[in-house]
Amino acid sequence: MHDENVMSPRQSAGPSCKARHTGYVGRVQISVIVPAFNEEKLLGASLAEIQAATAAFTRLGWKFELVVCDNNSTDRTADIARAAGAKVVFEPVNQIARARNAGAAAAAGDWLIFVDADSHPSAELFADVAEQIRSARCLAGGVTVRLDEKMFIPGLITQLWNGISRWNRFMAGSFIFVEAAAFRQVGGFSRELFAAEEIDLSQRLKKLAREMGRRIVILHRHPLKTSARKMKLYTAREHLGFFVRAVFNQRRMLTSREAAFIWYDGRR
């Protein structure tokens, strides 16, 4: 499923075999892409942690860039991103898939790392990513996650997701790394989906990886710390209603911004 917001392989050739196997010369190796919708409360701290974590790349002599997609925010999201030194692009349609695709279209890196605006990757996690890239066997990957607060039921749900993720090699949308040429070859994130777009991308990348003799990995030694704010911003009744509607009307939940309100209603 091709997305017109994502450059094709012809528009942006992937890294040469020599570059992929032995290192990179004279180009950006890593583009860290952060989609952001009204994230002025958390974005500054997240970008600071991302920039600190990129020490894992600079130690290897790899160049990196930070790209923030302002997904039609009405607050200071874009200003905060610029102040942090990020390249800022704008996506007017409020949809996480389009925001990530817009960031990828502006990215110059041979590899893309998508990080949510409320998540904090560590230098150790980025070092694990670099190890996978240098192996030349990995096409894409994700990571297990942990919440930034101890909460019993949300913690159990998170652990359940981590098990499903590792078993099925489903990449959590909060952190995905992928070879840029492969991302563009499969058409990026689906613009039809307002939720579960990362599962759809995982399936298409797994198919491509099999065809290429490569692999998809889920890292787990250094889980991604991500915000538990949605567990507090929405009541138990709202969460239950969302879950019931997702079970009985999955298609609408996946393809409707209104149905996927937890991600799109702007509550912060």
C-alpha atoms as a PDB file:
ATOM      1  CA  MET A   1       0.000   0.000   0.000  1.00  0.00           C
ATOM      2  CA  HIS A   2       1.911   3.010  -1.259  1.00  0.00           C
ATOM      3  CA  ASP A   3       1.727   6.402   0.434  1.00  0.00           C
ATOM      4  CA  GLU A   4       2.275   9.467  -1.713  1.00  0.00           C
ATOM      5  CA  ASN A   5       3.879  11.260   1.242  1.00  0.00           C
ATOM      6  CA  VAL A   6       6.754   8.770   1.293  1.00  0.00           C
ATOM      7  CA  MET A   7       9.489   9.001  -1.307  1.00  0.00           C
ATOM      8  CA  SER A   8       9.930   5.900  -3.425  1.00  0.00           C
ATOM      9  CA  PRO A   9      13.224   3.964  -3.652  1.00  0.00           C
ATOM     10  CA  ARG A  10      13.865   5.652  -7.003  1.00  0.00           C
ATOM     11  CA  GLN A  11      13.629   9.044  -5.338  1.00  0.00           C
ATOM     12  CA  SER A  12      15.919   8.060  -2.495  1.00  0.00           C
ATOM     13  CA  ALA A  13      18.236   5.166  -3.183  1.00  0.00           C
ATOM     14  CA  GLY A  14      19.008   2.903  -0.249  1.00  0.00           C
ATOM     15  CA  PRO A  15      22.501   2.454   1.168  1.00  0.00           C
ATOM     16  CA  SER A  16      24.979   0.542  -0.934  1.00  0.00           C
ATOM     17  CA  CYS A  17      25.995  -2.959   0.147  1.00  0.00           C
ATOM     18  CA  LYS A  18      29.451  -1.655   1.019  1.00  0.00           C
ATOM     19  CA  ALA A  19      28.022   1.126   3.181  1.00  0.00           C
ATOM     20  CA  ARG A  20      25.620  -1.211   4.918  1.00  0.00           C
ATOM     21  CA  HIS A  21      28.274  -3.808   5.734  1.00  0.00           C
ATOM     22  CA  THR A  22      31.369  -1.752   6.498  1.00  0.00           C
ATOM     23  CA  GLY A  23      30.215   1.668   7.678  1.00  0.00           C
ATOM     24  CA  TYR A  24      29.113   4.992   6.219  1.00  0.00           C
ATOM     25  CA  VAL A  25      30.982   7.853   4.645  1.00  0.00           C
ATOM     26  CA  GLY A  26      29.854  11.432   4.114  1.00  0.00           C
ATOM     27  CA  ARG A  27      26.124  11.092   4.654  1.00  0.00           C
ATOM     28  CA  VAL A  28      23.491  11.022   7.373  1.00  0.00           C
ATOM     29  CA  GLN A  29      23.186   7.504   8.729  1.00  0.00           C
ATOM     30  CA  ILE A  30      20.361   7.945  11.248  1.00  0.00           C
ATOM     31  CA  SER A  31      17.217  10.076  11.129  1.00  0.00           C
ATOM     32  CA  VAL A  32      15.280  10.132  14.397  1.00  0.00           C
ATOM     33  CA  ILE A  33      11.682  11.073  13.603  1.00  0.00           C
ATOM     34  CA  VAL A  34       9.286  12.313  16.277  1.00  0.00           C
ATOM     35  CA  PRO A  35       5.597  12.828  15.393  1.00  0.00           C
ATOM     36  CA  ALA A  36       4.045  15.396  17.703  1.00  0.00           C
ATOM     37  CA  PHE A  37       0.505  16.688  18.208  1.00  0.00           C
ATOM     38  CA  ASN A  38       0.085  19.288  20.989  1.00  0.00           C
ATOM     39  CA  GLU A  39       3.056  17.923  22.922  1.00  0.00           C
ATOM     40  CA  GLU A  40       4.428  21.103  24.500  1.00  0.00           C
ATOM     41  CA  LYS A  41       4.286  19.549  27.991  1.00  0.00           C
ATOM     42  CA  LEU A  42       6.483  16.533  27.241  1.00  0.00           C
ATOM     43  CA  LEU A  43       8.312  17.210  23.984  1.00  0.00           C
ATOM     44  CA  GLY A  44      11.228  19.216  25.368  1.00  0.00           C
ATOM     45  CA  ALA A  45      12.252  16.522  27.846  1.00  0.00           C
ATOM     46  CA  SER A  46      11.814  13.772  25.253  1.00  0.00           C
ATOM     47  CA  LEU A  47      13.987  15.556  22.682  1.00  0.00           C
ATOM     48  CA  ALA A  48      16.674  16.178  25.301  1.00  0.00           C
ATOM     49  CA  GLU A  49      16.763  12.478  26.162  1.00  0.00           C
ATOM     50  CA  ILE A  50      16.817  11.473  22.502  1.00  0.00           C
ATOM     51  CA  GLN A  51      19.736  13.809  21.824  1.00  0.00           C
ATOM     52  CA  ALA A  52      21.630  12.462  24.833  1.00  0.00           C
ATOM     53  CA  ALA A  53      21.004   8.891  23.683  1.00  0.00           C
ATOM     54  CA  THR A  54      22.460   9.591  20.229  1.00  0.00           C
ATOM     55  CA  ALA A  55      25.893   9.496  21.868  1.00  0.00           C
ATOM     56  CA  ALA A  56      25.698   5.813  20.944  1.00  0.00           C
ATOM     57  CA  PHE A  57      25.826   6.844  17.287  1.00  0.00           C
ATOM     58  CA  THR A  58      28.398   9.610  17.556  1.00  0.00           C
ATOM     59  CA  ARG A  59      30.787   7.154  19.225  1.00  0.00           C
ATOM     60  CA  LEU A  60      30.677   5.195  15.964  1.00  0.00           C
ATOM     61  CA  GLY A  61      31.259   8.324  13.904  1.00  0.00           C
ATOM     62  CA  TRP A  62      27.724   8.171  12.509  1.00  0.00           C
ATOM     63  CA  LYS A  63      25.920  11.372  11.570  1.00  0.00           C
ATOM     64  CA  PHE A  64      22.343  11.773  12.750  1.00  0.00           C
ATOM     65  CA  GLU A  65      19.514  14.261  12.427  1.00  0.00           C
ATOM     66  CA  LEU A  66      16.422  14.952  14.487  1.00  0.00           C
ATOM     67  CA  VAL A  67      13.160  15.475  12.582  1.00  0.00           C
ATOM     68  CA  VAL A  68       9.947  16.534  14.319  1.00  0.00           C
ATOM     69  CA  CYS A  69       6.637  16.457  12.479  1.00  0.00           C
ATOM     70  CA  ASP A  70       4.213  19.031  13.862  1.00  0.00           C
ATOM     71  CA  ASN A  71       0.908  17.266  13.244  1.00  0.00           C
ATOM     72  CA  ASN A  72      -1.299  20.384  13.138  1.00  0.00           C
ATOM     73  CA  SER A  73      -0.617  21.377  16.742  1.00  0.00           C
ATOM     74  CA  THR A  74      -2.297  24.393  18.314  1.00  0.00           C
ATOM     75  CA  ASP A  75       0.304  24.873  21.047  1.00  0.00           C
ATOM     76  CA  ARG A  76       4.073  25.546  21.141  1.00  0.00           C
ATOM     77  CA  THR A  77       5.094  22.109  19.859  1.00  0.00           C
ATOM     78  CA  ALA A  78       6.863  23.432  16.745  1.00  0.00           C
ATOM     79  CA  ASP A  79       8.661  26.202  18.656  1.00  0.00           C
ATOM     80  CA  ILE A  80       9.968  23.739  21.230  1.00  0.00           C
ATOM     81  CA  ALA A  81      11.219  21.434  18.484  1.00  0.00           C
ATOM     82  CA  ARG A  82      13.044  24.246  16.687  1.00  0.00           C
ATOM     83  CA  ALA A  83      14.607  25.421  19.946  1.00  0.00           C
ATOM     84  CA  ALA A  84      15.967  21.898  20.401  1.00  0.00           C
ATOM     85  CA  GLY A  85      17.654  22.097  17.002  1.00  0.00           C
ATOM     86  CA  ALA A  86      15.276  19.745  15.207  1.00  0.00           C
ATOM     87  CA  LYS A  87      14.259  19.961  11.572  1.00  0.00           C
ATOM     88  CA  VAL A  88      10.523  20.695  11.764  1.00  0.00           C
ATOM     89  CA  VAL A  89       8.031  19.633   9.105  1.00  0.00           C
ATOM     90  CA  PHE A  90       4.274  20.176   9.107  1.00  0.00           C
ATOM     91  CA  GLU A  91       1.488  17.696   8.436  1.00  0.00           C
ATOM     92  CA  PRO A  92      -1.985  19.336   8.405  1.00  0.00           C
ATOM     93  CA  VAL A  93      -4.035  16.126   8.676  1.00  0.00           C
ATOM     94  CA  ASN A  94      -4.127  14.911  12.268  1.00  0.00           C
ATOM     95  CA  GLN A  95      -3.148  11.262  11.876  1.00  0.00           C
ATOM     96  CA  ILE A  96      -0.138   9.487  13.346  1.00  0.00           C
ATOM     97  CA  ALA A  97       0.538   7.522  10.148  1.00  0.00           C
ATOM     98  CA  ARG A  98       0.649  10.688   8.033  1.00  0.00           C
ATOM     99  CA  ALA A  99       2.825  12.456  10.613  1.00  0.00           C
ATOM    100  CA  ARG A 100       5.389   9.659  10.601  1.00  0.00           C
ATOM    101  CA  ASN A 101       5.331   9.501   6.813  1.00  0.00           C
ATOM    102  CA  ALA A 102       5.836  13.259   6.531  1.00  0.00           C
ATOM    103  CA  GLY A 103       8.820  13.036   8.845  1.00  0.00           C
ATOM    104  CA  ALA A 104      10.248  10.155   6.813  1.00  0.00           C
ATOM    105  CA  ALA A 105       9.787  12.076   3.562  1.00  0.00           C
ATOM    106  CA  ALA A 106      11.951  14.883   4.953  1.00  0.00           C
ATOM    107  CA  ALA A 107      14.573  12.548   6.412  1.00  0.00           C
ATOM    108  CA  ALA A 108      18.013  12.096   4.874  1.00  0.00           C
ATOM    109  CA  GLY A 109      19.176   9.098   6.896  1.00  0.00           C
ATOM    110  CA  ASP A 110      19.891   5.607   5.608  1.00  0.00           C
ATOM    111  CA  TRP A 111      18.022   4.357   8.674  1.00  0.00           C
ATOM    112  CA  LEU A 112      14.898   5.815  10.265  1.00  0.00           C
ATOM    113  CA  ILE A 113      14.056   5.637  13.957  1.00  0.00           C
ATOM    114  CA  PHE A 114      10.501   6.620  14.887  1.00  0.00           C
ATOM    115  CA  VAL A 115      10.117   7.685  18.530  1.00  0.00           C
ATOM    116  CA  ASP A 116       6.880   8.928  20.071  1.00  0.00           C
ATOM    117  CA  ALA A 117       6.938  12.382  21.657  1.00  0.00           C
ATOM    118  CA  ASP A 118       6.178  10.981  25.135  1.00  0.00           C
ATOM    119  CA  SER A 119       8.907   8.314  25.063  1.00  0.00           C
ATOM    120  CA  HIS A 120      12.510   8.286  26.285  1.00  0.00           C
ATOM    121  CA  PRO A 121      15.020   5.983  24.574  1.00  0.00           C
ATOM    122  CA  SER A 122      18.332   5.387  26.323  1.00  0.00           C
ATOM    123  CA  ALA A 123      21.862   5.403  24.924  1.00  0.00           C
ATOM    124  CA  GLU A 124      21.948   1.668  25.651  1.00  0.00           C
ATOM    125  CA  LEU A 125      18.881   1.116  23.474  1.00  0.00           C
ATOM    126  CA  PHE A 126      20.390   3.142  20.638  1.00  0.00           C
ATOM    127  CA  ALA A 127      23.595   1.101  21.002  1.00  0.00           C
ATOM    128  CA  ASP A 128      21.535  -2.078  20.561  1.00  0.00           C
ATOM    129  CA  VAL A 129      19.993  -0.555  17.435  1.00  0.00           C
ATOM    130  CA  ALA A 130      23.454   0.277  16.097  1.00  0.00           C
ATOM    131  CA  GLU A 131      24.543  -3.311  16.719  1.00  0.00           C
ATOM    132  CA  GLN A 132      21.609  -4.599  14.655  1.00  0.00           C
ATOM    133  CA  ILE A 133      22.352  -2.158  11.842  1.00  0.00           C
ATOM    134  CA  ARG A 134      26.021  -3.153  11.753  1.00  0.00           C
ATOM    135  CA  SER A 135      25.088  -6.832  11.570  1.00  0.00           C
ATOM    136  CA  ALA A 136      23.658  -6.191   8.069  1.00  0.00           C
ATOM    137  CA  ARG A 137      21.090  -8.933   8.725  1.00  0.00           C
ATOM    138  CA  CYS A 138      18.376  -6.762  10.282  1.00  0.00           C
ATOM    139  CA  LEU A 139      15.845  -4.928   8.109  1.00  0.00           C
ATOM    140  CA  ALA A 140      13.776  -3.355  10.895  1.00  0.00           C
ATOM    141  CA  GLY A 141      12.937  -3.722  14.547  1.00  0.00           C
ATOM    142  CA  GLY A 142      11.159  -2.534  17.639  1.00  0.00           C
ATOM    143  CA  VAL A 143      11.598  -2.769  21.390  1.00  0.00           C
ATOM    144  CA  THR A 144       9.699  -3.833  24.472  1.00  0.00           C
ATOM    145  CA  VAL A 145       8.290  -0.977  26.549  1.00  0.00           C
ATOM    146  CA  ARG A 146       7.892  -0.024  30.193  1.00  0.00           C
ATOM    147  CA  LEU A 147       5.722   2.658  31.731  1.00  0.00           C
ATOM    148  CA  ASP A 148       7.263   5.614  33.530  1.00  0.00           C
ATOM    149  CA  GLU A 149       4.999   4.961  36.535  1.00  0.00           C
ATOM    150  CA  LYS A 150       4.181   1.804  38.455  1.00  0.00           C
ATOM    151  CA  MET A 151       0.521   0.972  37.803  1.00  0.00           C
ATOM    152  CA  PHE A 152      -0.790  -2.543  38.388  1.00  0.00           C
ATOM    153  CA  ILE A 153      -3.314  -3.187  35.606  1.00  0.00           C
ATOM    154  CA  PRO A 154      -1.587  -1.001  32.978  1.00  0.00           C
ATOM    155  CA  GLY A 155       1.655  -2.752  33.922  1.00  0.00           C
ATOM    156  CA  LEU A 156       0.083  -6.159  33.309  1.00  0.00           C
ATOM    157  CA  ILE A 157      -1.284  -5.000  29.953  1.00  0.00           C
ATOM    158  CA  THR A 158       2.157  -3.686  29.009  1.00  0.00           C
ATOM    159  CA  GLN A 159       3.783  -7.016  29.873  1.00  0.00           C
ATOM    160  CA  LEU A 160       1.137  -8.852  27.830  1.00  0.00           C
ATOM    161  CA  TRP A 161       1.864  -6.591  24.860  1.00  0.00           C
ATOM    162  CA  ASN A 162       5.617  -7.168  25.231  1.00  0.00           C
ATOM    163  CA  GLY A 163       5.060 -10.924  25.029  1.00  0.00           C
ATOM    164  CA  ILE A 164       2.849 -10.611  21.958  1.00  0.00           C
ATOM    165  CA  SER A 165       5.329  -8.218  20.379  1.00  0.00           C
ATOM    166  CA  ARG A 166       8.306 -10.552  20.817  1.00  0.00           C
ATOM    167  CA  TRP A 167       6.384 -13.656  19.750  1.00  0.00           C
ATOM    168  CA  ASN A 168       4.893 -12.136  16.595  1.00  0.00           C
ATOM    169  CA  ARG A 169       7.632  -9.562  15.925  1.00  0.00           C
ATOM    170  CA  PHE A 170       5.086  -6.750  16.067  1.00  0.00           C
ATOM    171  CA  MET A 171       6.822  -3.387  16.481  1.00  0.00           C
ATOM    172  CA  ALA A 172       5.310  -0.969  18.992  1.00  0.00           C
ATOM    173  CA  GLY A 173       4.648   2.376  17.317  1.00  0.00           C
ATOM    174  CA  SER A 174       6.420   4.219  20.124  1.00  0.00           C
ATOM    175  CA  PHE A 175       9.788   2.977  18.798  1.00  0.00           C
ATOM    176  CA  ILE A 176      10.504   1.545  15.355  1.00  0.00           C
ATOM    177  CA  PHE A 177      13.801   1.447  13.491  1.00  0.00           C
ATOM    178  CA  VAL A 178      13.898   0.514   9.817  1.00  0.00           C
ATOM    179  CA  GLU A 179      16.165   0.775   6.816  1.00  0.00           C
ATOM    180  CA  ALA A 180      14.899   3.815   4.913  1.00  0.00           C
ATOM    181  CA  ALA A 181      14.903   2.100   1.512  1.00  0.00           C
ATOM    182  CA  ALA A 182      12.789  -0.762   2.905  1.00  0.00           C
ATOM    183  CA  PHE A 183      10.348   1.641   4.546  1.00  0.00           C
ATOM    184  CA  ARG A 184       9.833   3.412   1.239  1.00  0.00           C
ATOM    185  CA  GLN A 185       9.634   0.163  -0.694  1.00  0.00           C
ATOM    186  CA  VAL A 186       6.649  -1.047   1.340  1.00  0.00           C
ATOM    187  CA  GLY A 187       4.969   2.376   1.117  1.00  0.00           C
ATOM    188  CA  GLY A 188       5.398   3.577   4.700  1.00  0.00           C
ATOM    189  CA  PHE A 189       2.536   3.687   7.193  1.00  0.00           C
ATOM    190  CA  SER A 190      -0.965   3.177   5.842  1.00  0.00           C
ATOM    191  CA  ARG A 191      -2.982   6.391   5.568  1.00  0.00           C
ATOM    192  CA  GLU A 192      -6.176   4.337   5.909  1.00  0.00           C
ATOM    193  CA  LEU A 193      -5.447   3.498   9.551  1.00  0.00           C
ATOM    194  CA  PHE A 194      -5.825   5.696  12.617  1.00  0.00           C
ATOM    195  CA  ALA A 195      -4.767   2.891  14.974  1.00  0.00           C
ATOM    196  CA  ALA A 196      -2.728  -0.328  14.692  1.00  0.00           C
ATOM    197  CA  GLU A 197      -0.772   1.218  11.807  1.00  0.00           C
ATOM    198  CA  GLU A 198       2.406  -0.202  13.343  1.00  0.00           C
ATOM    199  CA  ILE A 199       1.001  -3.754  13.189  1.00  0.00           C
ATOM    200  CA  ASP A 200       0.160  -3.273   9.517  1.00  0.00           C
ATOM    201  CA  LEU A 201       3.676  -1.981   8.831  1.00  0.00           C
ATOM    202  CA  SER A 202       5.194  -4.870  10.787  1.00  0.00           C
ATOM    203  CA  GLN A 203       3.348  -7.388   8.620  1.00  0.00           C
ATOM    204  CA  ARG A 204       4.512  -5.799   5.375  1.00  0.00           C
ATOM    205  CA  LEU A 205       8.099  -5.474   6.555  1.00  0.00           C
ATOM    206  CA  LYS A 206       8.160  -9.086   7.756  1.00  0.00           C
ATOM    207  CA  LYS A 207       7.120 -10.203   4.282  1.00  0.00           C
ATOM    208  CA  LEU A 208       9.837  -8.075   2.669  1.00  0.00           C
ATOM    209  CA  ALA A 209      12.426  -9.335   5.161  1.00  0.00           C
ATOM    210  CA  ARG A 210      11.627 -12.957   4.230  1.00  0.00           C
ATOM    211  CA  GLU A 211      12.000 -12.153   0.554  1.00  0.00           C
ATOM    212  CA  MET A 212      15.366 -10.464   1.172  1.00  0.00           C
ATOM    213  CA  GLY A 213      16.743 -13.045   3.594  1.00  0.00           C
ATOM    214  CA  ARG A 214      16.815 -10.419   6.359  1.00  0.00           C
ATOM    215  CA  ARG A 215      15.075 -10.308   9.743  1.00  0.00           C
ATOM    216  CA  ILE A 216      12.820  -8.242  11.996  1.00  0.00           C
ATOM    217  CA  VAL A 217      13.895  -8.064  15.640  1.00  0.00           C
ATOM    218  CA  ILE A 218      12.292  -6.936  18.886  1.00  0.00           C
ATOM    219  CA  LEU A 219      14.959  -5.679  21.273  1.00  0.00           C
ATOM    220  CA  HIS A 220      14.401  -6.312  24.971  1.00  0.00           C
ATOM    221  CA  ARG A 221      17.601  -5.724  26.942  1.00  0.00           C
ATOM    222  CA  HIS A 222      16.862  -2.011  27.384  1.00  0.00           C
ATOM    223  CA  PRO A 223      13.092  -1.365  27.179  1.00  0.00           C
ATOM    224  CA  LEU A 224      11.760   1.981  26.040  1.00  0.00           C
ATOM    225  CA  LYS A 225      10.400   4.169  28.834  1.00  0.00           C
ATOM    226  CA  THR A 226       7.096   5.667  27.761  1.00  0.00           C
ATOM    227  CA  SER A 227       4.456   7.809  29.433  1.00  0.00           C
ATOM    228  CA  ALA A 228       1.538   6.290  31.334  1.00  0.00           C
ATOM    229  CA  ARG A 229      -0.427   9.533  31.030  1.00  0.00           C
ATOM    230  CA  LYS A 230      -3.302   8.034  29.011  1.00  0.00           C
ATOM    231  CA  MET A 231      -4.039   5.728  31.907  1.00  0.00           C
ATOM    232  CA  LYS A 232      -4.734   8.804  34.051  1.00  0.00           C
ATOM    233  CA  LEU A 233      -6.248  11.129  31.455  1.00  0.00           C
ATOM    234  CA  TYR A 234      -9.130   8.759  30.723  1.00  0.00           C
ATOM    235  CA  THR A 235     -11.499   7.168  33.203  1.00  0.00           C
ATOM    236  CA  ALA A 236     -11.906   3.415  33.646  1.00  0.00           C
ATOM    237  CA  ARG A 237     -15.333   3.740  32.001  1.00  0.00           C
ATOM    238  CA  GLU A 238     -13.804   5.451  28.948  1.00  0.00           C
ATOM    239  CA  HIS A 239     -11.107   2.785  28.653  1.00  0.00           C
ATOM    240  CA  LEU A 240     -13.661  -0.001  28.954  1.00  0.00           C
ATOM    241  CA  GLY A 241     -15.936   1.600  26.366  1.00  0.00           C
ATOM    242  CA  PHE A 242     -13.018   2.004  23.987  1.00  0.00           C
ATOM    243  CA  PHE A 243     -12.044  -1.653  24.430  1.00  0.00           C
ATOM    244  CA  VAL A 244     -15.611  -2.918  23.856  1.00  0.00           C
ATOM    245  CA  ARG A 245     -16.014  -0.845  20.695  1.00  0.00           C
ATOM    246  CA  ALA A 246     -12.639  -2.055  19.449  1.00  0.00           C
ATOM    247  CA  VAL A 247     -13.686  -5.683  19.915  1.00  0.00           C
ATOM    248  CA  PHE A 248     -17.116  -5.405  18.316  1.00  0.00           C
ATOM    249  CA  ASN A 249     -16.410  -2.817  15.612  1.00  0.00           C
ATOM    250  CA  GLN A 250     -12.726  -3.193  14.909  1.00  0.00           C
ATOM    251  CA  ARG A 251     -12.851  -1.828  11.383  1.00  0.00           C
ATOM    252  CA  ARG A 252     -14.381   1.481  12.471  1.00  0.00           C
ATOM    253  CA  MET A 253     -11.943   1.826  15.366  1.00  0.00           C
ATOM    254  CA  LEU A 254      -8.982   1.376  13.046  1.00  0.00           C
ATOM    255  CA  THR A 255     -10.185   3.665  10.263  1.00  0.00           C
ATOM    256  CA  SER A 256     -11.956   6.463  12.140  1.00  0.00           C
ATOM    257  CA  ARG A 257     -10.280   9.345  13.950  1.00  0.00           C
ATOM    258  CA  GLU A 258     -13.362   9.793  16.117  1.00  0.00           C
ATOM    259  CA  ALA A 259     -13.459   6.128  17.134  1.00  0.00           C
ATOM    260  CA  ALA A 260      -9.739   6.160  17.989  1.00  0.00           C
ATOM    261  CA  PHE A 261     -10.286   9.204  20.219  1.00  0.00           C
ATOM    262  CA  ILE A 262      -7.667   8.214  22.808  1.00  0.00           C
ATOM    263  CA  TRP A 263      -4.980   9.143  20.296  1.00  0.00           C
ATOM    264  CA  TYR A 264      -6.685  12.079  18.607  1.00  0.00           C
ATOM    265  CA  ASP A 265      -8.911  14.079  20.921  1.00  0.00           C
ATOM    266  CA  GLY A 266      -6.017  16.254  22.070  1.00  0.00           C
ATOM    267  CA  ARG A 267      -6.471  15.573  25.774  1.00  0.00           C
ATOM    268  CA  ARG A 268      -3.162  16.279  27.501  1.00  0.00           C
END
